[in-house]
PDB file of all heavy atoms in Angstrom:
ATOM      1  N   SER A   1      79.868   3.350 -10.217  1.00  0.00           N
ATOM      2  CA  SER A   1      79.587   2.860  -8.874  1.00  0.00           C
ATOM      3  C   SER A   1      80.403   1.607  -8.569  1.00  0.00           C
ATOM      4  O   SER A   1      81.030   1.007  -9.447  1.00  0.00           O
ATOM      5  CB  SER A   1      78.101   2.526  -8.751  1.00  0.00           C
ATOM      6  OG  SER A   1      77.769   1.442  -9.604  1.00  0.00           O
ATOM      7  N   GLU A   2      80.347   1.191  -7.306  1.00  0.00           N
ATOM      8  CA  GLU A   2      80.981  -0.071  -6.909  1.00  0.00           C
ATOM      9  C   GLU A   2      80.308  -1.257  -7.599  1.00  0.00           C
ATOM     10  O   GLU A   2      80.956  -2.263  -7.898  1.00  0.00           O
ATOM     11  CB  GLU A   2      80.899  -0.238  -5.387  1.00  0.00           C
ATOM     12  CG  GLU A   2      81.822   0.677  -4.601  1.00  0.00           C
ATOM     13  CD  GLU A   2      83.284   0.257  -4.694  1.00  0.00           C
ATOM     14  OE1 GLU A   2      83.541  -0.898  -5.091  1.00  0.00           O
ATOM     15  OE2 GLU A   2      84.167   1.075  -4.379  1.00  0.00           O
ATOM     16  N   GLU A   3      79.010  -1.124  -7.860  1.00  0.00           N
ATOM     17  CA  GLU A   3      78.298  -2.179  -8.572  1.00  0.00           C
ATOM     18  C   GLU A   3      78.833  -2.310 -10.009  1.00  0.00           C
ATOM     19  O   GLU A   3      78.961  -3.425 -10.531  1.00  0.00           O
ATOM     20  CB  GLU A   3      76.793  -1.895  -8.605  1.00  0.00           C
ATOM     21  CG  GLU A   3      76.089  -2.065  -7.275  1.00  0.00           C
ATOM     22  CD  GLU A   3      76.369  -0.922  -6.294  1.00  0.00           C
ATOM     23  OE1 GLU A   3      76.846   0.159  -6.745  1.00  0.00           O
ATOM     24  OE2 GLU A   3      76.110  -1.115  -5.087  1.00  0.00           O
ATOM     25  N   ASP A   4      79.135  -1.166 -10.633  1.00  0.00           N
ATOM     26  CA  ASP A   4      79.727  -1.191 -11.965  1.00  0.00           C
ATOM     27  C   ASP A   4      81.083  -1.897 -11.933  1.00  0.00           C
ATOM     28  O   ASP A   4      81.417  -2.689 -12.821  1.00  0.00           O
ATOM     29  CB  ASP A   4      79.907   0.232 -12.506  1.00  0.00           C
ATOM     30  CG  ASP A   4      78.590   0.937 -12.757  1.00  0.00           C
ATOM     31  OD1 ASP A   4      77.622   0.263 -13.162  1.00  0.00           O
ATOM     32  OD2 ASP A   4      78.526   2.163 -12.549  1.00  0.00           O
ATOM     33  N   LEU A   5      81.862  -1.593 -10.896  1.00  0.00           N
ATOM     34  CA  LEU A   5      83.166  -2.231 -10.745  1.00  0.00           C
ATOM     35  C   LEU A   5      83.019  -3.746 -10.608  1.00  0.00           C
ATOM     36  O   LEU A   5      83.732  -4.517 -11.265  1.00  0.00           O
ATOM     37  CB  LEU A   5      83.892  -1.659  -9.531  1.00  0.00           C
ATOM     38  CG  LEU A   5      85.235  -2.305  -9.176  1.00  0.00           C
ATOM     39  CD1 LEU A   5      86.245  -2.106 -10.284  1.00  0.00           C
ATOM     40  CD2 LEU A   5      85.770  -1.751  -7.860  1.00  0.00           C
ATOM     41  N   ALA A   6      82.088  -4.172  -9.782  1.00  0.00           N
ATOM     42  CA  ALA A   6      81.877  -5.609  -9.575  1.00  0.00           C
ATOM     43  C   ALA A   6      81.455  -6.291 -10.871  1.00  0.00           C
ATOM     44  O   ALA A   6      81.886  -7.422 -11.164  1.00  0.00           O
ATOM     45  CB  ALA A   6      80.833  -5.829  -8.490  1.00  0.00           C
ATOM     46  N   ARG A   7      80.623  -5.618 -11.657  1.00  0.00           N
ATOM     47  CA  ARG A   7      80.170  -6.208 -12.931  1.00  0.00           C
ATOM     48  C   ARG A   7      81.343  -6.394 -13.890  1.00  0.00           C
ATOM     49  O   ARG A   7      81.502  -7.448 -14.513  1.00  0.00           O
ATOM     50  CB  ARG A   7      79.110  -5.308 -13.561  1.00  0.00           C
ATOM     51  CG  ARG A   7      78.658  -5.737 -14.947  1.00  0.00           C
ATOM     52  CD  ARG A   7      77.602  -4.796 -15.500  1.00  0.00           C
ATOM     53  NE  ARG A   7      77.995  -3.405 -15.389  1.00  0.00           N
ATOM     54  CZ  ARG A   7      78.847  -2.796 -16.224  1.00  0.00           C
ATOM     55  NH1 ARG A   7      79.386  -3.480 -17.217  1.00  0.00           N
ATOM     56  NH2 ARG A   7      79.143  -1.517 -16.073  1.00  0.00           N
ATOM     57  N   VAL A   8      82.193  -5.379 -14.006  1.00  0.00           N
ATOM     58  CA  VAL A   8      83.336  -5.449 -14.913  1.00  0.00           C
ATOM     59  C   VAL A   8      84.338  -6.505 -14.451  1.00  0.00           C
ATOM     60  O   VAL A   8      84.880  -7.260 -15.261  1.00  0.00           O
ATOM     61  CB  VAL A   8      84.000  -4.060 -15.024  1.00  0.00           C
ATOM     62  CG1 VAL A   8      85.360  -4.164 -15.712  1.00  0.00           C
ATOM     63  CG2 VAL A   8      83.101  -3.095 -15.772  1.00  0.00           C
ATOM     64  N   VAL A   9      84.569  -6.567 -13.145  1.00  0.00           N
ATOM     65  CA  VAL A   9      85.477  -7.587 -12.597  1.00  0.00           C
ATOM     66  C   VAL A   9      84.959  -8.979 -12.928  1.00  0.00           C
ATOM     67  O   VAL A   9      85.725  -9.874 -13.300  1.00  0.00           O
ATOM     68  CB  VAL A   9      85.639  -7.395 -11.070  1.00  0.00           C
ATOM     69  CG1 VAL A   9      86.312  -8.614 -10.430  1.00  0.00           C
ATOM     70  CG2 VAL A   9      86.454  -6.137 -10.771  1.00  0.00           C
ATOM     71  N   GLY A  10      83.647  -9.162 -12.817  1.00  0.00           N
ATOM     72  CA  GLY A  10      83.060 -10.452 -13.156  1.00  0.00           C
ATOM     73  C   GLY A  10      83.179 -10.770 -14.634  1.00  0.00           C
ATOM     74  O   GLY A  10      83.469 -11.912 -15.012  1.00  0.00           O
ATOM     75  N   GLN A  11      82.940  -9.773 -15.493  1.00  0.00           N
ATOM     76  CA  GLN A  11      83.027  -9.979 -16.942  1.00  0.00           C
ATOM     77  C   GLN A  11      84.417 -10.441 -17.370  1.00  0.00           C
ATOM     78  O   GLN A  11      84.565 -11.281 -18.262  1.00  0.00           O
ATOM     79  CB  GLN A  11      82.711  -8.672 -17.685  1.00  0.00           C
ATOM     80  CG  GLN A  11      81.239  -8.388 -17.879  1.00  0.00           C
ATOM     81  CD  GLN A  11      81.041  -7.095 -18.649  1.00  0.00           C
ATOM     82  OE1 GLN A  11      81.478  -6.029 -18.227  1.00  0.00           O
ATOM     83  NE2 GLN A  11      80.397  -7.199 -19.790  1.00  0.00           N
ATOM     84  N   THR A  12      85.442  -9.864 -16.749  1.00  0.00           N
ATOM     85  CA  THR A  12      86.818 -10.134 -17.169  1.00  0.00           C
ATOM     86  C   THR A  12      87.538 -11.133 -16.264  1.00  0.00           C
ATOM     87  O   THR A  12      88.709 -11.448 -16.492  1.00  0.00           O
ATOM     88  CB  THR A  12      87.615  -8.820 -17.207  1.00  0.00           C
ATOM     89  OG1 THR A  12      87.465  -8.134 -15.950  1.00  0.00           O
ATOM     90  CG2 THR A  12      87.104  -7.916 -18.318  1.00  0.00           C
ATOM     91  N   ARG A  13      86.838 -11.602 -15.245  1.00  0.00           N
ATOM     92  CA  ARG A  13      87.345 -12.637 -14.336  1.00  0.00           C
ATOM     93  C   ARG A  13      88.707 -12.281 -13.726  1.00  0.00           C
ATOM     94  O   ARG A  13      89.656 -13.069 -13.737  1.00  0.00           O
ATOM     95  CB  ARG A  13      87.405 -13.994 -15.052  1.00  0.00           C
ATOM     96  CG  ARG A  13      86.050 -14.459 -15.570  1.00  0.00           C
ATOM     97  CD  ARG A  13      86.041 -15.942 -15.909  1.00  0.00           C
ATOM     98  NE  ARG A  13      86.845 -16.270 -17.072  1.00  0.00           N
ATOM     99  CZ  ARG A  13      86.405 -16.212 -18.329  1.00  0.00           C
ATOM    100  NH1 ARG A  13      85.164 -15.827 -18.583  1.00  0.00           N
ATOM    101  NH2 ARG A  13      87.186 -16.555 -19.334  1.00  0.00           N
ATOM    102  N   ILE A  14      88.781 -11.075 -13.166  1.00  0.00           N
ATOM    103  CA  ILE A  14      90.059 -10.622 -12.591  1.00  0.00           C
ATOM    104  C   ILE A  14      89.999 -10.459 -11.070  1.00  0.00           C
ATOM    105  O   ILE A  14      90.926  -9.881 -10.490  1.00  0.00           O
ATOM    106  CB  ILE A  14      90.515  -9.289 -13.228  1.00  0.00           C
ATOM    107  CG1 ILE A  14      89.482  -8.182 -12.991  1.00  0.00           C
ATOM    108  CG2 ILE A  14      90.795  -9.460 -14.714  1.00  0.00           C
ATOM    109  CD1 ILE A  14      89.983  -6.799 -13.340  1.00  0.00           C
ATOM    110  N   GLU A  15      88.947 -10.969 -10.433  1.00  0.00           N
ATOM    111  CA  GLU A  15      88.841 -10.800  -8.982  1.00  0.00           C
ATOM    112  C   GLU A  15      90.092 -11.290  -8.242  1.00  0.00           C
ATOM    113  O   GLU A  15      90.574 -10.607  -7.329  1.00  0.00           O
ATOM    114  CB  GLU A  15      87.597 -11.505  -8.445  1.00  0.00           C
ATOM    115  CG  GLU A  15      87.366 -11.242  -6.958  1.00  0.00           C
ATOM    116  CD  GLU A  15      86.031 -11.779  -6.479  1.00  0.00           C
ATOM    117  OE1 GLU A  15      85.323 -12.420  -7.275  1.00  0.00           O
ATOM    118  OE2 GLU A  15      85.715 -11.549  -5.296  1.00  0.00           O
ATOM    119  N   PRO A  16      90.711 -12.440  -8.619  1.00  0.00           N
ATOM    120  CA  PRO A  16      91.915 -12.882  -7.908  1.00  0.00           C
ATOM    121  C   PRO A  16      93.118 -11.955  -8.103  1.00  0.00           C
ATOM    122  O   PRO A  16      94.120 -12.081  -7.387  1.00  0.00           O
ATOM    123  CB  PRO A  16      92.201 -14.262  -8.515  1.00  0.00           C
ATOM    124  CG  PRO A  16      90.907 -14.700  -9.119  1.00  0.00           C
ATOM    125  CD  PRO A  16      90.254 -13.445  -9.596  1.00  0.00           C
ATOM    126  N   LEU A  17      93.018 -11.015  -9.053  1.00  0.00           N
ATOM    127  CA  LEU A  17      94.156 -10.151  -9.371  1.00  0.00           C
ATOM    128  C   LEU A  17      94.073  -8.777  -8.711  1.00  0.00           C
ATOM    129  O   LEU A  17      95.038  -7.994  -8.789  1.00  0.00           O
ATOM    130  CB  LEU A  17      94.260  -9.952 -10.894  1.00  0.00           C
ATOM    131  CG  LEU A  17      94.273 -11.196 -11.781  1.00  0.00           C
ATOM    132  CD1 LEU A  17      94.314 -10.786 -13.244  1.00  0.00           C
ATOM    133  CD2 LEU A  17      95.446 -12.089 -11.432  1.00  0.00           C
ATOM    134  N   LEU A  18      92.963  -8.437  -8.068  1.00  0.00           N
ATOM    135  CA  LEU A  18      92.711  -7.065  -7.649  1.00  0.00           C
ATOM    136  C   LEU A  18      93.797  -6.483  -6.748  1.00  0.00           C
ATOM    137  O   LEU A  18      94.133  -5.292  -6.847  1.00  0.00           O
ATOM    138  CB  LEU A  18      91.346  -6.960  -6.956  1.00  0.00           C
ATOM    139  CG  LEU A  18      90.130  -7.132  -7.874  1.00  0.00           C
ATOM    140  CD1 LEU A  18      88.834  -7.096  -7.070  1.00  0.00           C
ATOM    141  CD2 LEU A  18      90.108  -6.047  -8.950  1.00  0.00           C
ATOM    142  N   ALA A  19      94.367  -7.294  -5.871  1.00  0.00           N
ATOM    143  CA  ALA A  19      95.369  -6.783  -4.932  1.00  0.00           C
ATOM    144  C   ALA A  19      96.791  -6.876  -5.491  1.00  0.00           C
ATOM    145  O   ALA A  19      97.745  -6.446  -4.833  1.00  0.00           O
ATOM    146  CB  ALA A  19      95.287  -7.548  -3.611  1.00  0.00           C
ATOM    147  N   ARG A  20      96.935  -7.391  -6.709  1.00  0.00           N
ATOM    148  CA  ARG A  20      98.265  -7.598  -7.281  1.00  0.00           C
ATOM    149  C   ARG A  20      98.848  -6.308  -7.849  1.00  0.00           C
ATOM    150  O   ARG A  20      98.139  -5.454  -8.398  1.00  0.00           O
ATOM    151  CB  ARG A  20      98.184  -8.643  -8.405  1.00  0.00           C
ATOM    152  CG  ARG A  20      97.836 -10.047  -7.956  1.00  0.00           C
ATOM    153  CD  ARG A  20      99.037 -10.926  -7.843  1.00  0.00           C
ATOM    154  NE  ARG A  20      99.779 -11.038  -9.092  1.00  0.00           N
ATOM    155  CZ  ARG A  20      99.498 -11.932 -10.054  1.00  0.00           C
ATOM    156  NH1 ARG A  20      98.474 -12.776  -9.905  1.00  0.00           N
ATOM    157  NH2 ARG A  20     100.242 -11.996 -11.140  1.00  0.00           N
ATOM    158  N   SER A  21     100.165  -6.161  -7.750  1.00  0.00           N
ATOM    159  CA  SER A  21     100.863  -5.107  -8.467  1.00  0.00           C
ATOM    160  C   SER A  21     100.831  -5.445  -9.950  1.00  0.00           C
ATOM    161  O   SER A  21     101.000  -6.610 -10.342  1.00  0.00           O
ATOM    162  CB  SER A  21     102.314  -5.011  -7.987  1.00  0.00           C
ATOM    163  OG  SER A  21     103.093  -4.279  -8.912  1.00  0.00           O
ATOM    164  N   VAL A  22     100.633  -4.435 -10.793  1.00  0.00           N
ATOM    165  CA  VAL A  22     100.588  -4.712 -12.223  1.00  0.00           C
ATOM    166  C   VAL A  22     101.943  -5.206 -12.731  1.00  0.00           C
ATOM    167  O   VAL A  22     102.021  -5.842 -13.785  1.00  0.00           O
ATOM    168  CB  VAL A  22     100.129  -3.475 -13.028  1.00  0.00           C
ATOM    169  CG1 VAL A  22      98.712  -3.080 -12.643  1.00  0.00           C
ATOM    170  CG2 VAL A  22     101.078  -2.312 -12.834  1.00  0.00           C
ATOM    171  N   GLU A  23     103.006  -4.920 -11.980  1.00  0.00           N
ATOM    172  CA  GLU A  23     104.333  -5.379 -12.366  1.00  0.00           C
ATOM    173  C   GLU A  23     104.447  -6.906 -12.318  1.00  0.00           C
ATOM    174  O   GLU A  23     105.333  -7.487 -12.951  1.00  0.00           O
ATOM    175  CB  GLU A  23     105.400  -4.768 -11.453  1.00  0.00           C
ATOM    176  CG  GLU A  23     105.458  -3.245 -11.487  1.00  0.00           C
ATOM    177  CD  GLU A  23     106.208  -2.718 -12.698  1.00  0.00           C
ATOM    178  OE1 GLU A  23     106.631  -3.554 -13.517  1.00  0.00           O
ATOM    179  OE2 GLU A  23     106.369  -1.503 -12.818  1.00  0.00           O
ATOM    180  N   THR A  24     103.584  -7.559 -11.567  1.00  0.00           N
ATOM    181  CA  THR A  24     103.677  -9.011 -11.394  1.00  0.00           C
ATOM    182  C   THR A  24     102.755  -9.783 -12.335  1.00  0.00           C
ATOM    183  O   THR A  24     102.732 -11.016 -12.293  1.00  0.00           O
ATOM    184  CB  THR A  24     103.325  -9.399  -9.950  1.00  0.00           C
ATOM    185  OG1 THR A  24     101.925  -9.161  -9.710  1.00  0.00           O
ATOM    186  CG2 THR A  24     104.157  -8.607  -8.951  1.00  0.00           C
ATOM    187  N   LEU A  25     101.997  -9.084 -13.168  1.00  0.00           N
ATOM    188  CA  LEU A  25     101.017  -9.750 -14.029  1.00  0.00           C
ATOM    189  C   LEU A  25     101.683 -10.360 -15.251  1.00  0.00           C
ATOM    190  O   LEU A  25     102.625  -9.808 -15.823  1.00  0.00           O
ATOM    191  CB  LEU A  25      99.951  -8.745 -14.489  1.00  0.00           C
ATOM    192  CG  LEU A  25      99.122  -8.054 -13.402  1.00  0.00           C
ATOM    193  CD1 LEU A  25      98.185  -7.035 -14.042  1.00  0.00           C
ATOM    194  CD2 LEU A  25      98.348  -9.061 -12.570  1.00  0.00           C
ATOM    195  N   SER A  26     101.165 -11.518 -15.672  1.00  0.00           N
ATOM    196  CA  SER A  26     101.586 -12.095 -16.939  1.00  0.00           C
ATOM    197  C   SER A  26     100.971 -11.280 -18.079  1.00  0.00           C
ATOM    198  O   SER A  26     100.109 -10.421 -17.861  1.00  0.00           O
ATOM    199  CB  SER A  26     101.121 -13.546 -17.040  1.00  0.00           C
ATOM    200  OG  SER A  26      99.702 -13.605 -17.157  1.00  0.00           O
ATOM    201  N   GLY A  27     101.396 -11.570 -19.322  1.00  0.00           N
ATOM    202  CA  GLY A  27     100.854 -10.841 -20.458  1.00  0.00           C
ATOM    203  C   GLY A  27      99.346 -10.990 -20.586  1.00  0.00           C
ATOM    204  O   GLY A  27      98.626 -10.009 -20.807  1.00  0.00           O
ATOM    205  N   GLY A  28      98.839 -12.210 -20.407  1.00  0.00           N
ATOM    206  CA  GLY A  28      97.400 -12.441 -20.504  1.00  0.00           C
ATOM    207  C   GLY A  28      96.643 -11.758 -19.387  1.00  0.00           C
ATOM    208  O   GLY A  28      95.562 -11.191 -19.601  1.00  0.00           O
ATOM    209  N   GLU A  29      97.196 -11.800 -18.164  1.00  0.00           N
ATOM    210  CA  GLU A  29      96.539 -11.142 -17.029  1.00  0.00           C
ATOM    211  C   GLU A  29      96.508  -9.631 -17.228  1.00  0.00           C
ATOM    212  O   GLU A  29      95.484  -8.976 -16.959  1.00  0.00           O
ATOM    213  CB  GLU A  29      97.279 -11.490 -15.742  1.00  0.00           C
ATOM    214  CG  GLU A  29      97.118 -12.939 -15.305  1.00  0.00           C
ATOM    215  CD  GLU A  29      98.058 -13.323 -14.179  1.00  0.00           C
ATOM    216  OE1 GLU A  29      99.085 -12.628 -13.969  1.00  0.00           O
ATOM    217  OE2 GLU A  29      97.779 -14.330 -13.496  1.00  0.00           O
ATOM    218  N   ALA A  30      97.616  -9.082 -17.711  1.00  0.00           N
ATOM    219  CA  ALA A  30      97.670  -7.631 -17.923  1.00  0.00           C
ATOM    220  C   ALA A  30      96.655  -7.184 -18.964  1.00  0.00           C
ATOM    221  O   ALA A  30      96.014  -6.133 -18.810  1.00  0.00           O
ATOM    222  CB  ALA A  30      99.078  -7.226 -18.337  1.00  0.00           C
ATOM    223  N   GLN A  31      96.466  -7.974 -20.013  1.00  0.00           N
ATOM    224  CA  GLN A  31      95.494  -7.590 -21.030  1.00  0.00           C
ATOM    225  C   GLN A  31      94.060  -7.724 -20.518  1.00  0.00           C
ATOM    226  O   GLN A  31      93.190  -6.947 -20.901  1.00  0.00           O
ATOM    227  CB  GLN A  31      95.687  -8.415 -22.307  1.00  0.00           C
ATOM    228  CG  GLN A  31      96.909  -8.010 -23.132  1.00  0.00           C
ATOM    229  CD  GLN A  31      96.818  -6.584 -23.662  1.00  0.00           C
ATOM    230  OE1 GLN A  31      96.678  -5.635 -22.902  1.00  0.00           O
ATOM    231  NE2 GLN A  31      96.914  -6.427 -24.972  1.00  0.00           N
ATOM    232  N   ARG A  32      93.806  -8.685 -19.653  1.00  0.00           N
ATOM    233  CA  ARG A  32      92.473  -8.763 -19.047  1.00  0.00           C
ATOM    234  C   ARG A  32      92.204  -7.536 -18.180  1.00  0.00           C
ATOM    235  O   ARG A  32      91.096  -6.993 -18.177  1.00  0.00           O
ATOM    236  CB  ARG A  32      92.340 -10.036 -18.216  1.00  0.00           C
ATOM    237  CG  ARG A  32      91.912 -11.251 -19.030  1.00  0.00           C
ATOM    238  CD  ARG A  32      91.464 -12.377 -18.141  1.00  0.00           C
ATOM    239  NE  ARG A  32      92.570 -13.013 -17.451  1.00  0.00           N
ATOM    240  CZ  ARG A  32      92.496 -13.576 -16.254  1.00  0.00           C
ATOM    241  NH1 ARG A  32      91.364 -13.554 -15.580  1.00  0.00           N
ATOM    242  NH2 ARG A  32      93.551 -14.154 -15.714  1.00  0.00           N
ATOM    243  N   VAL A  33      93.219  -7.086 -17.439  1.00  0.00           N
ATOM    244  CA  VAL A  33      93.059  -5.881 -16.627  1.00  0.00           C
ATOM    245  C   VAL A  33      92.875  -4.660 -17.531  1.00  0.00           C
ATOM    246  O   VAL A  33      92.045  -3.790 -17.249  1.00  0.00           O
ATOM    247  CB  VAL A  33      94.272  -5.697 -15.697  1.00  0.00           C
ATOM    248  CG1 VAL A  33      94.180  -4.357 -14.957  1.00  0.00           C
ATOM    249  CG2 VAL A  33      94.350  -6.838 -14.687  1.00  0.00           C
ATOM    250  N   ALA A  34      93.633  -4.596 -18.619  1.00  0.00           N
ATOM    251  CA  ALA A  34      93.478  -3.481 -19.553  1.00  0.00           C
ATOM    252  C   ALA A  34      92.074  -3.462 -20.156  1.00  0.00           C
ATOM    253  O   ALA A  34      91.467  -2.396 -20.328  1.00  0.00           O
ATOM    254  CB  ALA A  34      94.532  -3.573 -20.653  1.00  0.00           C
ATOM    255  N   LEU A  35      91.534  -4.637 -20.463  1.00  0.00           N
ATOM    256  CA  LEU A  35      90.169  -4.718 -20.977  1.00  0.00           C
ATOM    257  C   LEU A  35      89.173  -4.265 -19.913  1.00  0.00           C
ATOM    258  O   LEU A  35      88.234  -3.510 -20.207  1.00  0.00           O
ATOM    259  CB  LEU A  35      89.866  -6.149 -21.415  1.00  0.00           C
ATOM    260  CG  LEU A  35      88.468  -6.427 -21.948  1.00  0.00           C
ATOM    261  CD1 LEU A  35      88.154  -5.567 -23.159  1.00  0.00           C
ATOM    262  CD2 LEU A  35      88.302  -7.915 -22.301  1.00  0.00           C
ATOM    263  N   ALA A  36      89.392  -4.691 -18.679  1.00  0.00           N
ATOM    264  CA  ALA A  36      88.509  -4.268 -17.583  1.00  0.00           C
ATOM    265  C   ALA A  36      88.545  -2.754 -17.417  1.00  0.00           C
ATOM    266  O   ALA A  36      87.511  -2.114 -17.198  1.00  0.00           O
ATOM    267  CB  ALA A  36      88.922  -4.953 -16.282  1.00  0.00           C
ATOM    268  N   ARG A  37      89.732  -2.164 -17.516  1.00  0.00           N
ATOM    269  CA  ARG A  37      89.834  -0.711 -17.350  1.00  0.00           C
ATOM    270  C   ARG A  37      89.125   0.022 -18.489  1.00  0.00           C
ATOM    271  O   ARG A  37      88.479   1.058 -18.279  1.00  0.00           O
ATOM    272  CB  ARG A  37      91.296  -0.281 -17.274  1.00  0.00           C
ATOM    273  CG  ARG A  37      91.458   1.097 -16.648  1.00  0.00           C
ATOM    274  CD  ARG A  37      92.901   1.465 -16.425  1.00  0.00           C
ATOM    275  NE  ARG A  37      93.595   1.698 -17.678  1.00  0.00           N
ATOM    276  CZ  ARG A  37      94.803   2.246 -17.748  1.00  0.00           C
ATOM    277  NH1 ARG A  37      95.454   2.571 -16.638  1.00  0.00           N
ATOM    278  NH2 ARG A  37      95.384   2.448 -18.908  1.00  0.00           N
ATOM    279  N   ALA A  38      89.216  -0.516 -19.707  1.00  0.00           N
ATOM    280  CA  ALA A  38      88.494   0.094 -20.822  1.00  0.00           C
ATOM    281  C   ALA A  38      86.987   0.014 -20.602  1.00  0.00           C
ATOM    282  O   ALA A  38      86.243   0.954 -20.905  1.00  0.00           O
ATOM    283  CB  ALA A  38      88.881  -0.600 -22.127  1.00  0.00           C
TER     284      ALA A  38
END
């Protein structure tokens, strides 16, 4: 659900990154997104 998405975004603190292209992410940001996706 969208609630699940919000919980994961909060856990990994990636809300400021949601609209970003993954091509523009730093190594640390990309791994946080990868953790969120897992």
